[in-house]
N, C-alpha and C. Protein backbone atom coordinates (compact mmCIF):
# COMPACT_ATOMS: atom_id res chain seq x y z
N MET A 1 37.37 -2.24 42.63
CA MET A 1 36.37 -1.44 41.96
C MET A 1 34.99 -2.01 42.26
N LYS A 2 34.12 -1.21 42.86
CA LYS A 2 32.77 -1.65 43.17
C LYS A 2 31.87 -1.38 41.99
N LEU A 3 31.14 -2.39 41.57
CA LEU A 3 30.21 -2.26 40.45
C LEU A 3 28.80 -2.26 41.02
N THR A 4 28.27 -1.08 41.24
CA THR A 4 26.95 -0.98 41.87
C THR A 4 25.87 -0.46 40.94
N GLU A 5 26.24 0.32 39.93
CA GLU A 5 25.24 0.90 39.04
C GLU A 5 25.32 0.20 37.69
N SER A 6 24.17 -0.30 37.23
CA SER A 6 24.19 -1.07 35.99
C SER A 6 22.83 -1.09 35.31
N MET A 7 22.85 -1.59 34.07
CA MET A 7 21.63 -1.77 33.29
C MET A 7 21.69 -3.15 32.65
N PRO A 8 20.63 -3.95 32.82
CA PRO A 8 20.62 -5.27 32.17
C PRO A 8 20.38 -5.14 30.67
N VAL A 9 20.99 -6.05 29.93
CA VAL A 9 20.83 -6.10 28.48
C VAL A 9 20.37 -7.49 28.10
N LYS A 10 19.34 -7.56 27.25
CA LYS A 10 18.81 -8.87 26.84
C LYS A 10 18.28 -8.79 25.41
N PHE A 11 18.82 -9.66 24.57
CA PHE A 11 18.36 -9.84 23.20
C PHE A 11 18.11 -11.33 23.02
N GLY A 12 16.91 -11.80 23.27
CA GLY A 12 16.66 -13.23 23.20
C GLY A 12 17.51 -13.96 24.23
N ARG A 13 18.35 -14.89 23.74
CA ARG A 13 19.24 -15.65 24.65
C ARG A 13 20.54 -14.93 24.97
N LEU A 14 20.82 -13.83 24.27
CA LEU A 14 22.04 -13.06 24.51
C LEU A 14 21.78 -12.07 25.64
N GLU A 15 22.52 -12.23 26.74
CA GLU A 15 22.31 -11.38 27.91
C GLU A 15 23.64 -10.84 28.42
N GLY A 16 23.55 -9.73 29.13
CA GLY A 16 24.72 -9.15 29.75
C GLY A 16 24.34 -7.98 30.62
N VAL A 17 25.34 -7.31 31.12
CA VAL A 17 25.13 -6.15 31.98
C VAL A 17 26.09 -5.05 31.53
N ILE A 18 25.57 -3.82 31.47
CA ILE A 18 26.44 -2.67 31.27
C ILE A 18 26.54 -1.96 32.61
N TYR A 19 27.74 -1.97 33.18
CA TYR A 19 28.01 -1.21 34.39
C TYR A 19 28.44 0.18 33.97
N GLY A 20 28.22 1.16 34.82
CA GLY A 20 28.60 2.51 34.45
C GLY A 20 29.13 3.31 35.61
N GLY A 21 29.74 4.44 35.24
CA GLY A 21 30.27 5.37 36.23
C GLY A 21 31.37 6.20 35.61
N PRO A 22 32.08 6.95 36.44
CA PRO A 22 33.20 7.72 35.91
C PRO A 22 34.25 6.76 35.33
N PHE A 23 34.74 7.08 34.13
CA PHE A 23 35.63 6.13 33.47
C PHE A 23 36.96 5.96 34.19
N ARG A 24 37.40 6.98 34.89
CA ARG A 24 38.67 6.84 35.63
C ARG A 24 38.56 5.81 36.76
N HIS A 25 37.35 5.44 37.15
CA HIS A 25 37.17 4.41 38.17
C HIS A 25 37.38 3.01 37.63
N TYR A 26 37.35 2.86 36.30
CA TYR A 26 37.56 1.55 35.70
C TYR A 26 38.99 1.09 35.95
N VAL A 27 39.13 -0.13 36.46
CA VAL A 27 40.44 -0.72 36.71
C VAL A 27 40.67 -1.77 35.63
N PRO A 28 41.66 -1.54 34.75
CA PRO A 28 41.92 -2.52 33.69
C PRO A 28 42.13 -3.92 34.26
N GLY A 29 41.56 -4.90 33.58
CA GLY A 29 41.69 -6.28 34.02
C GLY A 29 40.65 -6.70 35.05
N THR A 30 39.70 -5.84 35.36
CA THR A 30 38.67 -6.17 36.34
C THR A 30 37.74 -7.24 35.80
N ARG A 31 37.61 -8.29 36.55
CA ARG A 31 36.71 -9.41 36.22
C ARG A 31 36.78 -9.75 34.75
N ARG A 32 35.63 -9.80 34.14
CA ARG A 32 35.55 -10.11 32.71
C ARG A 32 34.89 -8.94 31.98
N LEU A 33 35.35 -7.74 32.29
CA LEU A 33 34.74 -6.54 31.73
C LEU A 33 35.46 -6.05 30.47
N VAL A 34 34.66 -5.55 29.56
CA VAL A 34 35.16 -4.84 28.38
C VAL A 34 34.86 -3.37 28.64
N ALA A 35 35.86 -2.51 28.48
CA ALA A 35 35.72 -1.10 28.84
C ALA A 35 35.39 -0.24 27.63
N VAL A 36 34.32 0.58 27.79
CA VAL A 36 33.91 1.53 26.76
C VAL A 36 34.16 2.93 27.29
N LYS A 37 35.09 3.63 26.65
CA LYS A 37 35.42 5.00 27.04
C LYS A 37 34.58 5.95 26.20
N MET A 38 33.75 6.74 26.87
CA MET A 38 32.88 7.69 26.19
C MET A 38 33.46 9.09 26.16
N ALA A 39 34.38 9.41 27.03
CA ALA A 39 34.91 10.77 27.16
C ALA A 39 36.18 10.93 26.33
N GLN A 40 36.13 11.83 25.34
CA GLN A 40 37.31 12.02 24.50
C GLN A 40 38.46 12.66 25.27
N GLU A 41 38.16 13.37 26.35
CA GLU A 41 39.22 14.06 27.10
C GLU A 41 39.95 13.16 28.09
N ILE A 42 39.49 11.93 28.26
CA ILE A 42 40.13 11.03 29.22
C ILE A 42 41.11 10.11 28.51
N ASP A 43 42.31 10.02 29.07
CA ASP A 43 43.32 9.10 28.56
C ASP A 43 43.47 8.00 29.62
N HIS A 44 42.82 6.88 29.38
CA HIS A 44 42.79 5.77 30.33
C HIS A 44 42.64 4.49 29.52
N PRO A 45 43.26 3.39 29.92
CA PRO A 45 43.15 2.15 29.16
C PRO A 45 41.69 1.75 28.92
N HIS A 46 41.41 1.30 27.69
CA HIS A 46 40.04 0.93 27.31
C HIS A 46 40.09 -0.09 26.18
N ASP A 47 38.97 -0.73 25.94
CA ASP A 47 38.84 -1.69 24.85
C ASP A 47 38.12 -1.07 23.66
N ILE A 48 37.16 -0.20 23.95
CA ILE A 48 36.33 0.42 22.93
C ILE A 48 36.28 1.92 23.21
N ALA A 49 36.46 2.72 22.17
CA ALA A 49 36.37 4.18 22.33
C ALA A 49 35.20 4.70 21.50
N VAL A 50 34.28 5.36 22.17
CA VAL A 50 33.19 6.08 21.52
C VAL A 50 33.38 7.53 21.97
N ASP A 51 34.49 8.10 21.53
CA ASP A 51 34.88 9.43 22.00
C ASP A 51 33.82 10.48 21.69
N THR A 52 33.41 11.18 22.74
CA THR A 52 32.33 12.15 22.65
C THR A 52 32.69 13.37 23.50
N GLU A 53 32.41 14.56 22.99
CA GLU A 53 32.62 15.77 23.77
C GLU A 53 31.61 15.82 24.91
N ASP A 54 31.99 16.47 26.00
CA ASP A 54 31.10 16.59 27.16
C ASP A 54 29.79 17.27 26.77
N PHE A 55 28.69 16.76 27.28
CA PHE A 55 27.33 17.24 27.03
C PHE A 55 26.93 17.16 25.56
N SER A 56 27.55 16.25 24.81
CA SER A 56 27.27 16.12 23.39
C SER A 56 26.95 14.66 23.05
N VAL A 57 26.93 14.37 21.75
CA VAL A 57 26.66 13.01 21.27
C VAL A 57 27.74 12.63 20.25
N PRO A 58 28.02 11.33 20.10
CA PRO A 58 29.03 10.91 19.13
C PRO A 58 28.44 10.79 17.72
N GLU A 59 29.31 10.57 16.74
CA GLU A 59 28.84 10.26 15.39
C GLU A 59 28.07 8.95 15.46
N VAL A 60 27.02 8.85 14.67
CA VAL A 60 26.16 7.66 14.70
C VAL A 60 26.94 6.39 14.41
N LYS A 61 27.78 6.40 13.39
CA LYS A 61 28.55 5.19 13.02
C LYS A 61 29.50 4.76 14.13
N VAL A 62 30.06 5.73 14.82
CA VAL A 62 30.97 5.40 15.93
C VAL A 62 30.19 4.72 17.06
N MET A 63 29.00 5.23 17.36
CA MET A 63 28.16 4.61 18.39
C MET A 63 27.72 3.21 17.95
N GLN A 64 27.33 3.06 16.70
CA GLN A 64 26.92 1.76 16.20
C GLN A 64 28.05 0.74 16.35
N GLN A 65 29.27 1.14 16.00
CA GLN A 65 30.42 0.25 16.13
C GLN A 65 30.69 -0.10 17.60
N GLY A 66 30.51 0.88 18.48
CA GLY A 66 30.69 0.63 19.91
C GLY A 66 29.67 -0.37 20.44
N LEU A 67 28.42 -0.23 20.00
CA LEU A 67 27.38 -1.16 20.44
C LEU A 67 27.65 -2.57 19.90
N MET A 68 28.09 -2.66 18.65
CA MET A 68 28.40 -3.98 18.08
C MET A 68 29.54 -4.65 18.84
N ALA A 69 30.55 -3.88 19.21
CA ALA A 69 31.66 -4.44 19.99
C ALA A 69 31.16 -4.91 21.36
N ALA A 70 30.23 -4.17 21.95
CA ALA A 70 29.66 -4.58 23.24
C ALA A 70 28.85 -5.86 23.08
N LEU A 71 28.08 -5.97 22.01
CA LEU A 71 27.31 -7.20 21.75
C LEU A 71 28.24 -8.40 21.57
N LYS A 72 29.35 -8.20 20.91
CA LYS A 72 30.33 -9.27 20.74
C LYS A 72 30.87 -9.70 22.11
N ALA A 73 31.11 -8.72 22.97
CA ALA A 73 31.57 -9.03 24.33
C ALA A 73 30.53 -9.86 25.08
N PHE A 74 29.25 -9.47 24.99
CA PHE A 74 28.19 -10.25 25.63
C PHE A 74 28.15 -11.66 25.08
N ASP A 75 28.32 -11.80 23.77
CA ASP A 75 28.30 -13.11 23.12
C ASP A 75 29.45 -13.98 23.63
N GLU A 76 30.54 -13.36 24.03
CA GLU A 76 31.71 -14.09 24.56
C GLU A 76 31.61 -14.31 26.07
N GLY A 77 30.46 -13.93 26.67
CA GLY A 77 30.26 -14.14 28.10
C GLY A 77 30.84 -13.06 28.98
N LYS A 78 31.16 -11.91 28.41
CA LYS A 78 31.71 -10.80 29.19
C LYS A 78 30.63 -9.76 29.44
N ASP A 79 30.90 -8.86 30.37
CA ASP A 79 30.04 -7.71 30.61
C ASP A 79 30.79 -6.46 30.18
N VAL A 80 30.12 -5.31 30.26
CA VAL A 80 30.68 -4.06 29.77
C VAL A 80 30.70 -3.03 30.88
N TYR A 81 31.77 -2.23 30.91
CA TYR A 81 31.81 -1.05 31.78
C TYR A 81 31.92 0.15 30.87
N ALA A 82 30.91 1.03 30.90
CA ALA A 82 30.92 2.26 30.11
C ALA A 82 31.09 3.43 31.06
N GLY A 83 31.87 4.42 30.63
CA GLY A 83 32.07 5.57 31.49
C GLY A 83 32.52 6.80 30.73
N CYS A 84 32.27 7.93 31.37
CA CYS A 84 32.71 9.23 30.86
C CYS A 84 33.30 9.97 32.06
N MET A 85 33.20 11.27 32.08
CA MET A 85 33.78 12.03 33.20
C MET A 85 33.00 11.77 34.50
N GLY A 86 31.69 11.95 34.47
CA GLY A 86 30.88 11.74 35.67
C GLY A 86 30.05 10.47 35.65
N GLY A 87 29.94 9.84 34.48
CA GLY A 87 29.18 8.60 34.38
C GLY A 87 27.69 8.78 34.22
N THR A 88 27.24 9.96 33.76
CA THR A 88 25.80 10.22 33.67
C THR A 88 25.34 10.52 32.24
N GLY A 89 25.86 11.58 31.63
CA GLY A 89 25.37 12.00 30.32
C GLY A 89 25.78 11.12 29.17
N ARG A 90 27.08 11.08 28.89
CA ARG A 90 27.57 10.28 27.77
C ARG A 90 27.46 8.78 28.06
N THR A 91 27.71 8.39 29.28
CA THR A 91 27.55 6.99 29.67
C THR A 91 26.10 6.57 29.50
N GLY A 92 25.18 7.42 29.98
CA GLY A 92 23.76 7.15 29.81
C GLY A 92 23.35 7.09 28.35
N THR A 93 23.99 7.90 27.52
CA THR A 93 23.69 7.89 26.09
C THR A 93 24.08 6.55 25.47
N PHE A 94 25.22 6.01 25.86
CA PHE A 94 25.62 4.68 25.37
C PHE A 94 24.59 3.64 25.79
N MET A 95 24.22 3.67 27.07
CA MET A 95 23.22 2.72 27.57
C MET A 95 21.89 2.94 26.87
N GLY A 96 21.53 4.19 26.63
CA GLY A 96 20.27 4.50 25.97
C GLY A 96 20.21 3.96 24.56
N CYS A 97 21.32 4.05 23.84
CA CYS A 97 21.35 3.50 22.47
C CYS A 97 21.24 1.98 22.51
N MET A 98 21.84 1.34 23.51
CA MET A 98 21.69 -0.11 23.67
C MET A 98 20.23 -0.43 23.99
N ALA A 99 19.60 0.38 24.86
CA ALA A 99 18.19 0.17 25.20
C ALA A 99 17.31 0.39 23.96
N LYS A 100 17.65 1.34 23.12
CA LYS A 100 16.90 1.57 21.87
C LYS A 100 17.01 0.35 20.97
N ALA A 101 18.20 -0.24 20.89
CA ALA A 101 18.38 -1.47 20.11
C ALA A 101 17.53 -2.60 20.69
N MET A 102 17.49 -2.71 22.03
CA MET A 102 16.64 -3.74 22.66
C MET A 102 15.17 -3.49 22.35
N MET A 103 14.75 -2.23 22.40
CA MET A 103 13.36 -1.87 22.10
C MET A 103 13.02 -2.25 20.67
N ASP A 104 13.88 -1.92 19.72
CA ASP A 104 13.62 -2.24 18.32
C ASP A 104 13.64 -3.75 18.09
N TYR A 105 14.54 -4.46 18.77
CA TYR A 105 14.60 -5.92 18.69
C TYR A 105 13.31 -6.53 19.23
N ASP A 106 12.85 -6.02 20.37
CA ASP A 106 11.61 -6.53 20.98
C ASP A 106 10.42 -6.30 20.06
N GLN A 107 10.36 -5.17 19.39
CA GLN A 107 9.24 -4.89 18.49
C GLN A 107 9.22 -5.87 17.33
N GLU A 108 10.40 -6.23 16.83
CA GLU A 108 10.48 -7.22 15.75
C GLU A 108 10.02 -8.60 16.23
N ASN A 109 10.15 -8.85 17.52
CA ASN A 109 9.82 -10.16 18.09
C ASN A 109 8.55 -10.12 18.94
N SER A 110 7.71 -9.12 18.73
CA SER A 110 6.39 -8.98 19.38
C SER A 110 6.44 -8.87 20.89
N ASP A 111 7.56 -8.46 21.46
CA ASP A 111 7.65 -8.25 22.90
C ASP A 111 7.92 -6.77 23.12
N ARG A 112 6.94 -6.04 23.57
CA ARG A 112 7.06 -4.60 23.69
C ARG A 112 7.33 -4.18 25.15
N SER A 113 8.37 -4.76 25.73
CA SER A 113 8.64 -4.49 27.15
C SER A 113 9.29 -3.12 27.38
N ILE A 114 10.03 -2.59 26.40
CA ILE A 114 10.65 -1.28 26.54
C ILE A 114 9.86 -0.29 25.70
N LYS A 115 9.27 0.69 26.36
CA LYS A 115 8.46 1.70 25.66
C LYS A 115 9.29 2.92 25.29
N ASP A 116 10.25 3.28 26.15
CA ASP A 116 11.08 4.46 25.93
C ASP A 116 12.49 4.16 26.43
N PRO A 117 13.50 4.21 25.56
CA PRO A 117 14.85 3.85 25.99
C PRO A 117 15.42 4.79 27.06
N VAL A 118 15.06 6.06 27.02
CA VAL A 118 15.55 7.00 28.04
C VAL A 118 14.99 6.60 29.41
N ALA A 119 13.70 6.33 29.46
CA ALA A 119 13.06 5.92 30.72
C ALA A 119 13.65 4.60 31.23
N TYR A 120 13.96 3.69 30.32
CA TYR A 120 14.54 2.40 30.70
C TYR A 120 15.89 2.61 31.40
N VAL A 121 16.74 3.45 30.81
CA VAL A 121 18.05 3.71 31.41
C VAL A 121 17.89 4.38 32.77
N ARG A 122 16.99 5.33 32.84
CA ARG A 122 16.79 6.05 34.11
C ARG A 122 16.20 5.14 35.19
N ALA A 123 15.41 4.18 34.81
CA ALA A 123 14.83 3.25 35.78
C ALA A 123 15.86 2.24 36.28
N HIS A 124 16.80 1.85 35.42
CA HIS A 124 17.76 0.81 35.78
C HIS A 124 19.13 1.32 36.19
N TYR A 125 19.53 2.48 35.70
CA TYR A 125 20.89 2.95 35.95
C TYR A 125 20.91 4.16 36.89
N ARG A 126 20.63 5.32 36.37
CA ARG A 126 20.59 6.55 37.17
C ARG A 126 19.39 7.38 36.76
N LYS A 127 18.76 8.02 37.76
CA LYS A 127 17.56 8.83 37.50
C LYS A 127 17.79 9.97 36.53
N HIS A 128 19.00 10.51 36.48
CA HIS A 128 19.26 11.68 35.63
C HIS A 128 20.19 11.36 34.46
N ALA A 129 20.33 10.06 34.16
CA ALA A 129 21.18 9.67 33.03
C ALA A 129 20.62 10.24 31.73
N ILE A 130 21.51 10.45 30.77
CA ILE A 130 21.16 11.07 29.49
C ILE A 130 20.71 12.50 29.80
N GLU A 131 21.69 13.36 30.01
CA GLU A 131 21.46 14.67 30.61
C GLU A 131 20.82 15.73 29.71
N THR A 132 21.23 15.83 28.47
CA THR A 132 20.78 16.95 27.64
C THR A 132 19.65 16.56 26.70
N GLN A 133 18.95 17.55 26.21
CA GLN A 133 17.88 17.30 25.24
C GLN A 133 18.46 16.68 23.97
N GLU A 134 19.65 17.14 23.57
CA GLU A 134 20.30 16.57 22.39
C GLU A 134 20.56 15.08 22.59
N GLN A 135 21.03 14.70 23.77
CA GLN A 135 21.28 13.28 24.06
C GLN A 135 19.99 12.48 24.05
N MET A 136 18.92 13.03 24.63
CA MET A 136 17.63 12.33 24.64
C MET A 136 17.10 12.12 23.22
N ASN A 137 17.17 13.15 22.40
CA ASN A 137 16.71 13.03 21.01
C ASN A 137 17.56 12.02 20.24
N TYR A 138 18.86 12.06 20.47
CA TYR A 138 19.79 11.14 19.81
C TYR A 138 19.42 9.69 20.13
N VAL A 139 19.20 9.41 21.40
CA VAL A 139 18.85 8.05 21.83
C VAL A 139 17.53 7.61 21.22
N ARG A 140 16.53 8.45 21.29
CA ARG A 140 15.18 8.07 20.83
C ARG A 140 15.10 7.89 19.32
N THR A 141 15.99 8.54 18.56
CA THR A 141 15.95 8.43 17.10
C THR A 141 17.14 7.65 16.55
N PHE A 142 17.91 7.02 17.41
CA PHE A 142 19.13 6.32 17.01
C PHE A 142 18.81 5.20 16.01
N ASP A 143 19.58 5.13 14.93
CA ASP A 143 19.40 4.10 13.89
C ASP A 143 20.05 2.80 14.35
N THR A 144 19.22 1.84 14.72
CA THR A 144 19.73 0.57 15.24
C THR A 144 19.85 -0.51 14.17
N ALA A 145 19.46 -0.22 12.94
CA ALA A 145 19.45 -1.25 11.88
C ALA A 145 20.78 -2.00 11.74
N PRO A 146 21.93 -1.31 11.62
CA PRO A 146 23.19 -2.06 11.51
C PRO A 146 23.51 -2.89 12.76
N VAL A 147 23.12 -2.39 13.91
CA VAL A 147 23.37 -3.10 15.16
C VAL A 147 22.54 -4.39 15.21
N LEU A 148 21.27 -4.28 14.82
CA LEU A 148 20.39 -5.47 14.83
C LEU A 148 20.81 -6.47 13.76
N GLU A 149 21.32 -5.99 12.64
CA GLU A 149 21.83 -6.89 11.60
C GLU A 149 23.05 -7.66 12.12
N PHE A 150 23.93 -6.96 12.81
CA PHE A 150 25.10 -7.60 13.42
C PHE A 150 24.67 -8.63 14.46
N LEU A 151 23.68 -8.27 15.27
CA LEU A 151 23.16 -9.17 16.29
C LEU A 151 22.60 -10.44 15.64
N GLN A 152 21.88 -10.29 14.55
CA GLN A 152 21.33 -11.45 13.84
C GLN A 152 22.45 -12.36 13.35
N GLN A 153 23.52 -11.78 12.84
CA GLN A 153 24.67 -12.58 12.39
C GLN A 153 25.30 -13.33 13.56
N LEU A 154 25.41 -12.68 14.71
CA LEU A 154 25.94 -13.36 15.90
C LEU A 154 25.06 -14.54 16.29
N GLN A 155 23.75 -14.31 16.28
CA GLN A 155 22.82 -15.37 16.69
C GLN A 155 22.81 -16.52 15.69
N GLU A 156 22.90 -16.22 14.40
CA GLU A 156 22.95 -17.27 13.39
C GLU A 156 24.23 -18.08 13.52
N ALA A 157 25.34 -17.43 13.77
CA ALA A 157 26.61 -18.14 13.96
C ALA A 157 26.53 -19.06 15.16
N ARG A 158 25.90 -18.60 16.22
CA ARG A 158 25.74 -19.41 17.42
C ARG A 158 24.84 -20.61 17.14
N THR A 159 23.77 -20.43 16.38
CA THR A 159 22.85 -21.52 16.06
C THR A 159 23.56 -22.59 15.25
N VAL A 160 24.33 -22.21 14.25
CA VAL A 160 25.07 -23.17 13.44
C VAL A 160 26.04 -23.94 14.32
N TYR A 161 26.73 -23.26 15.21
CA TYR A 161 27.68 -23.92 16.10
C TYR A 161 26.96 -24.92 17.00
N VAL A 162 25.85 -24.52 17.60
CA VAL A 162 25.10 -25.40 18.48
C VAL A 162 24.57 -26.60 17.70
N ASP A 163 24.02 -26.38 16.51
CA ASP A 163 23.50 -27.48 15.70
C ASP A 163 24.61 -28.48 15.38
N ARG A 164 25.78 -28.01 15.01
CA ARG A 164 26.88 -28.91 14.69
C ARG A 164 27.33 -29.66 15.93
N THR A 165 27.32 -29.02 17.06
CA THR A 165 27.72 -29.68 18.31
C THR A 165 26.76 -30.81 18.63
N VAL A 166 25.48 -30.59 18.48
CA VAL A 166 24.48 -31.63 18.76
C VAL A 166 24.70 -32.82 17.84
N GLU A 167 24.94 -32.59 16.56
CA GLU A 167 25.16 -33.68 15.60
C GLU A 167 26.38 -34.50 16.00
N VAL A 168 27.45 -33.85 16.38
CA VAL A 168 28.65 -34.56 16.80
C VAL A 168 28.38 -35.37 18.05
N GLU A 169 27.62 -34.83 18.98
CA GLU A 169 27.32 -35.58 20.20
C GLU A 169 26.54 -36.85 19.87
N ARG A 170 25.62 -36.79 18.92
CA ARG A 170 24.86 -38.00 18.55
C ARG A 170 25.79 -39.05 17.96
N ILE A 171 26.71 -38.64 17.14
CA ILE A 171 27.61 -39.58 16.49
C ILE A 171 28.57 -40.20 17.51
N VAL A 172 29.08 -39.40 18.39
CA VAL A 172 30.06 -39.87 19.36
C VAL A 172 29.47 -40.89 20.32
N TYR A 173 28.23 -40.72 20.70
CA TYR A 173 27.66 -41.60 21.72
C TYR A 173 26.94 -42.82 21.15
N LEU A 174 26.85 -42.96 19.85
CA LEU A 174 26.25 -44.16 19.28
C LEU A 174 27.30 -45.26 19.16
N GLY A 175 26.91 -46.45 19.56
CA GLY A 175 27.80 -47.59 19.38
C GLY A 175 27.76 -48.05 17.93
N PRO A 176 28.59 -49.01 17.55
CA PRO A 176 28.66 -49.44 16.14
C PRO A 176 27.33 -49.97 15.62
N VAL A 177 26.61 -50.72 16.41
CA VAL A 177 25.33 -51.28 15.95
C VAL A 177 24.30 -50.16 15.82
N GLU A 178 24.22 -49.29 16.84
CA GLU A 178 23.28 -48.18 16.78
C GLU A 178 23.60 -47.25 15.62
N TRP A 179 24.89 -47.03 15.39
CA TRP A 179 25.30 -46.15 14.28
C TRP A 179 24.86 -46.75 12.94
N ALA A 180 25.05 -48.05 12.77
CA ALA A 180 24.65 -48.71 11.52
C ALA A 180 23.13 -48.62 11.35
N MET A 181 22.37 -48.81 12.42
CA MET A 181 20.91 -48.71 12.34
C MET A 181 20.50 -47.29 12.01
N HIS A 182 21.18 -46.32 12.59
CA HIS A 182 20.90 -44.91 12.32
C HIS A 182 21.15 -44.61 10.83
N GLN A 183 22.27 -45.11 10.30
CA GLN A 183 22.59 -44.88 8.90
C GLN A 183 21.57 -45.57 7.99
N PHE A 184 21.18 -46.80 8.35
CA PHE A 184 20.21 -47.55 7.56
C PHE A 184 18.85 -46.83 7.56
N SER A 185 18.42 -46.31 8.71
CA SER A 185 17.14 -45.61 8.77
C SER A 185 17.19 -44.32 7.96
N ASN A 186 18.33 -43.63 7.95
CA ASN A 186 18.46 -42.43 7.11
C ASN A 186 18.40 -42.79 5.62
N LEU A 187 19.02 -43.91 5.26
CA LEU A 187 19.00 -44.36 3.87
C LEU A 187 17.57 -44.72 3.47
N PHE A 188 16.87 -45.40 4.37
CA PHE A 188 15.50 -45.80 4.10
C PHE A 188 14.60 -44.57 3.90
N ARG A 189 14.78 -43.52 4.74
CA ARG A 189 14.01 -42.29 4.61
C ARG A 189 14.26 -41.59 3.29
N ILE A 190 15.49 -41.60 2.85
CA ILE A 190 15.82 -40.93 1.59
C ILE A 190 15.15 -41.65 0.41
N GLN A 191 15.11 -42.99 0.43
CA GLN A 191 14.54 -43.75 -0.66
C GLN A 191 13.01 -43.68 -0.70
N LYS A 192 12.38 -43.38 0.39
CA LYS A 192 10.92 -43.31 0.46
C LYS A 192 10.43 -42.32 -0.46
């Protein structure tokens, strides 16, 4: 399976790629991909289903859950393959909602690199992605609040894990004398 069409995803330190195309082209077990099936009429192995009628849009909660599952995949070091029948309309809509989440995340963090999620998808994936006016409106007005809340929880969990790892590394590499001095200096700071 050749992965040639894609869109980069970046939320601070969380990064990944959404590859796209016709969903029947997805080969289960390919690399480290998580598969998002956008076409309700396709019966093909997948990890995430955001079943949508052709030339239409999915329920908002279903899309939000699909995006959260994709973010979890990125957090685990995987990439995503999204697809529908032709890989343009519904696939582009999935990518567009992810781009809308990136845009809203950037605005919260004073980085306004994405001005329009539809234009972002078309610049990075396919020129005609997100085919219908309904899909364009859906992407531009998509409610990303639950997705960004989930992302914040992922990032906080990662920070706690990293902080604990650093503390353990300091303890493991200190010799007995250094450890005693470290403990004594902490005791001295507390009494000050």
